[in-house]
N, C-alpha and C. Protein backbone atom coordinates (compact mmCIF):
# COMPACT_ATOMS: atom_id res chain seq x y z
N MET A 1 183.70 120.19 92.02
CA MET A 1 182.26 120.36 92.13
C MET A 1 181.81 121.43 91.14
N PRO A 2 180.77 121.16 90.32
CA PRO A 2 180.32 122.15 89.34
C PRO A 2 179.64 123.33 90.02
N PRO A 3 179.62 124.48 89.37
CA PRO A 3 178.97 125.65 89.96
C PRO A 3 177.46 125.43 90.09
N ARG A 4 176.88 126.03 91.12
CA ARG A 4 175.43 125.92 91.34
C ARG A 4 174.70 127.02 90.58
N ASP A 5 173.47 126.73 90.17
CA ASP A 5 172.61 127.72 89.52
C ASP A 5 171.62 128.31 90.52
N PHE A 6 171.90 128.14 91.80
CA PHE A 6 171.00 128.64 92.83
C PHE A 6 171.80 129.02 94.05
N GLU A 7 171.18 129.83 94.90
CA GLU A 7 171.80 130.32 96.13
C GLU A 7 171.47 129.42 97.31
N LEU A 8 172.25 129.53 98.36
CA LEU A 8 171.94 128.87 99.62
C LEU A 8 171.39 129.86 100.63
N ASP A 9 171.66 131.14 100.43
CA ASP A 9 171.25 132.19 101.36
C ASP A 9 169.73 132.41 101.29
N ILE A 10 169.07 132.35 102.43
CA ILE A 10 167.61 132.46 102.49
C ILE A 10 167.12 133.78 101.89
N LEU A 11 167.77 134.88 102.24
CA LEU A 11 167.32 136.18 101.74
C LEU A 11 167.49 136.29 100.22
N GLU A 12 168.57 135.75 99.70
CA GLU A 12 168.78 135.76 98.24
C GLU A 12 167.75 134.90 97.53
N ILE A 13 167.39 133.76 98.11
CA ILE A 13 166.37 132.90 97.52
C ILE A 13 165.04 133.63 97.50
N ARG A 14 164.68 134.28 98.59
CA ARG A 14 163.42 135.04 98.64
C ARG A 14 163.41 136.15 97.60
N ARG A 15 164.51 136.89 97.48
CA ARG A 15 164.59 137.97 96.49
C ARG A 15 164.40 137.44 95.07
N ARG A 16 165.06 136.33 94.77
CA ARG A 16 164.95 135.76 93.43
C ARG A 16 163.53 135.28 93.15
N LEU A 17 162.92 134.60 94.11
CA LEU A 17 161.54 134.15 93.93
C LEU A 17 160.62 135.34 93.66
N GLU A 18 160.72 136.39 94.47
CA GLU A 18 159.86 137.56 94.30
C GLU A 18 160.12 138.26 92.98
N HIS A 19 161.38 138.31 92.56
CA HIS A 19 161.74 138.93 91.28
C HIS A 19 161.12 138.16 90.11
N GLU A 20 160.98 136.84 90.27
CA GLU A 20 160.44 136.00 89.21
C GLU A 20 158.92 135.84 89.29
N GLY A 21 158.27 136.59 90.18
CA GLY A 21 156.82 136.58 90.22
C GLY A 21 156.17 135.75 91.31
N TRP A 22 156.97 135.08 92.14
CA TRP A 22 156.42 134.32 93.26
C TRP A 22 155.95 135.31 94.32
N ARG A 23 154.81 135.02 94.94
CA ARG A 23 154.26 135.91 95.95
C ARG A 23 154.05 135.17 97.26
N LEU A 24 154.29 135.88 98.34
CA LEU A 24 154.10 135.34 99.68
C LEU A 24 152.60 135.19 99.92
N ILE A 25 152.16 133.96 100.23
CA ILE A 25 150.73 133.76 100.47
C ILE A 25 150.42 133.42 101.91
N LYS A 26 151.41 132.90 102.65
CA LYS A 26 151.17 132.57 104.06
C LYS A 26 152.39 132.99 104.86
N SER A 27 152.14 133.70 105.94
CA SER A 27 153.28 134.07 106.79
C SER A 27 152.90 134.09 108.26
N ARG A 28 151.66 133.74 108.56
CA ARG A 28 151.21 133.76 109.94
C ARG A 28 151.57 132.49 110.67
N GLY A 29 152.18 132.62 111.81
CA GLY A 29 152.49 131.44 112.62
C GLY A 29 153.46 130.49 111.95
N GLY A 30 153.87 129.50 112.63
CA GLY A 30 154.76 128.50 112.07
C GLY A 30 156.17 129.03 111.86
N ASN A 31 157.00 128.17 111.30
CA ASN A 31 158.39 128.51 111.08
C ASN A 31 158.72 128.80 109.63
N HIS A 32 157.72 128.74 108.76
CA HIS A 32 157.96 128.91 107.33
C HIS A 32 156.99 129.92 106.72
N ASP A 33 157.43 130.55 105.64
CA ASP A 33 156.58 131.35 104.79
C ASP A 33 156.34 130.54 103.53
N VAL A 34 155.18 130.71 102.90
CA VAL A 34 154.86 129.93 101.71
C VAL A 34 154.70 130.88 100.53
N TYR A 35 155.38 130.54 99.44
CA TYR A 35 155.32 131.32 98.22
C TYR A 35 154.54 130.55 97.15
N LYS A 36 153.81 131.29 96.31
CA LYS A 36 153.02 130.71 95.23
C LYS A 36 153.21 131.55 93.99
N HIS A 37 153.34 130.89 92.85
CA HIS A 37 153.45 131.59 91.56
C HIS A 37 152.11 131.46 90.85
N PRO A 38 151.63 132.52 90.21
CA PRO A 38 150.31 132.46 89.57
C PRO A 38 150.23 131.46 88.41
N ASP A 39 151.36 131.12 87.79
CA ASP A 39 151.34 130.23 86.64
C ASP A 39 151.84 128.82 86.94
N LYS A 40 152.22 128.55 88.18
CA LYS A 40 152.75 127.24 88.53
C LYS A 40 151.91 126.62 89.64
N PRO A 41 151.71 125.29 89.60
CA PRO A 41 150.80 124.65 90.56
C PRO A 41 151.36 124.48 91.97
N GLN A 42 152.67 124.45 92.13
CA GLN A 42 153.23 124.14 93.44
C GLN A 42 153.40 125.36 94.33
N HIS A 43 153.52 125.07 95.62
CA HIS A 43 153.84 126.06 96.63
C HIS A 43 155.26 125.80 97.09
N ILE A 44 155.95 126.84 97.53
CA ILE A 44 157.31 126.65 98.03
C ILE A 44 157.40 127.21 99.45
N PRO A 45 157.61 126.33 100.43
CA PRO A 45 157.83 126.81 101.80
C PRO A 45 159.29 127.20 101.99
N ILE A 46 159.52 128.35 102.62
CA ILE A 46 160.86 128.83 102.91
C ILE A 46 160.93 129.10 104.41
N SER A 47 161.94 128.56 105.07
CA SER A 47 162.05 128.80 106.50
C SER A 47 162.35 130.28 106.77
N ARG A 48 161.87 130.74 107.89
CA ARG A 48 162.13 132.12 108.28
C ARG A 48 163.52 132.22 108.84
N GLY A 49 164.03 133.41 108.83
CA GLY A 49 165.35 133.62 109.42
C GLY A 49 166.35 134.06 108.38
N ARG A 50 167.60 133.96 108.76
CA ARG A 50 168.70 134.38 107.90
C ARG A 50 169.74 133.28 107.85
N GLY A 51 170.66 133.45 106.94
CA GLY A 51 171.74 132.49 106.83
C GLY A 51 171.53 131.57 105.65
N ASP A 52 172.29 130.50 105.63
CA ASP A 52 172.25 129.55 104.52
C ASP A 52 171.37 128.35 104.85
N LEU A 53 170.70 127.86 103.82
CA LEU A 53 169.95 126.62 103.94
C LEU A 53 170.88 125.46 103.66
N PRO A 54 170.55 124.27 104.14
CA PRO A 54 171.32 123.10 103.74
C PRO A 54 171.23 122.92 102.23
N LEU A 55 172.26 122.36 101.64
CA LEU A 55 172.33 122.20 100.19
C LEU A 55 171.11 121.47 99.63
N GLY A 56 170.69 120.38 100.26
CA GLY A 56 169.55 119.61 99.77
C GLY A 56 168.25 120.40 99.79
N THR A 57 168.05 121.20 100.82
CA THR A 57 166.85 122.04 100.93
C THR A 57 166.86 123.10 99.84
N ALA A 58 167.99 123.76 99.66
CA ALA A 58 168.11 124.78 98.62
C ALA A 58 167.91 124.17 97.23
N ARG A 59 168.42 122.96 97.03
CA ARG A 59 168.25 122.28 95.74
C ARG A 59 166.78 121.95 95.49
N SER A 60 166.07 121.54 96.52
CA SER A 60 164.65 121.23 96.39
C SER A 60 163.84 122.48 96.02
N ILE A 61 164.16 123.59 96.64
CA ILE A 61 163.50 124.86 96.33
C ILE A 61 163.81 125.26 94.89
N ALA A 62 165.07 125.11 94.48
CA ALA A 62 165.48 125.46 93.12
C ALA A 62 164.74 124.61 92.09
N ARG A 63 164.55 123.34 92.38
CA ARG A 63 163.79 122.47 91.46
C ARG A 63 162.35 122.91 91.36
N ALA A 64 161.72 123.20 92.51
CA ALA A 64 160.33 123.61 92.52
C ALA A 64 160.13 124.94 91.79
N ALA A 65 161.13 125.82 91.88
CA ALA A 65 161.04 127.13 91.23
C ALA A 65 161.39 127.06 89.75
N GLY A 66 161.96 125.94 89.31
CA GLY A 66 162.31 125.78 87.91
C GLY A 66 163.70 126.27 87.56
N TRP A 67 164.55 126.47 88.55
CA TRP A 67 165.91 126.96 88.32
C TRP A 67 166.82 125.83 87.84
N ILE A 68 166.53 124.61 88.26
CA ILE A 68 167.31 123.44 87.85
C ILE A 68 166.34 122.31 87.53
N CYS A 69 166.85 121.29 86.85
CA CYS A 69 166.01 120.12 86.52
C CYS A 69 166.18 119.04 87.53
């Protein structure tokens, strides 16, 4: 299996998003926080909590953030 260009750990994903300019725009209620980048049209929902995300979910976030194609 080739190496991944993204993390599965929720906290590491949040740190990377914030480091790259994504900002938390919604955090009230629900099970997810929503991040938005000022230069990109999409929003990225991230589940609250700790631990690892499923591979497919982490891959979807990585695609939306522009980490992978």
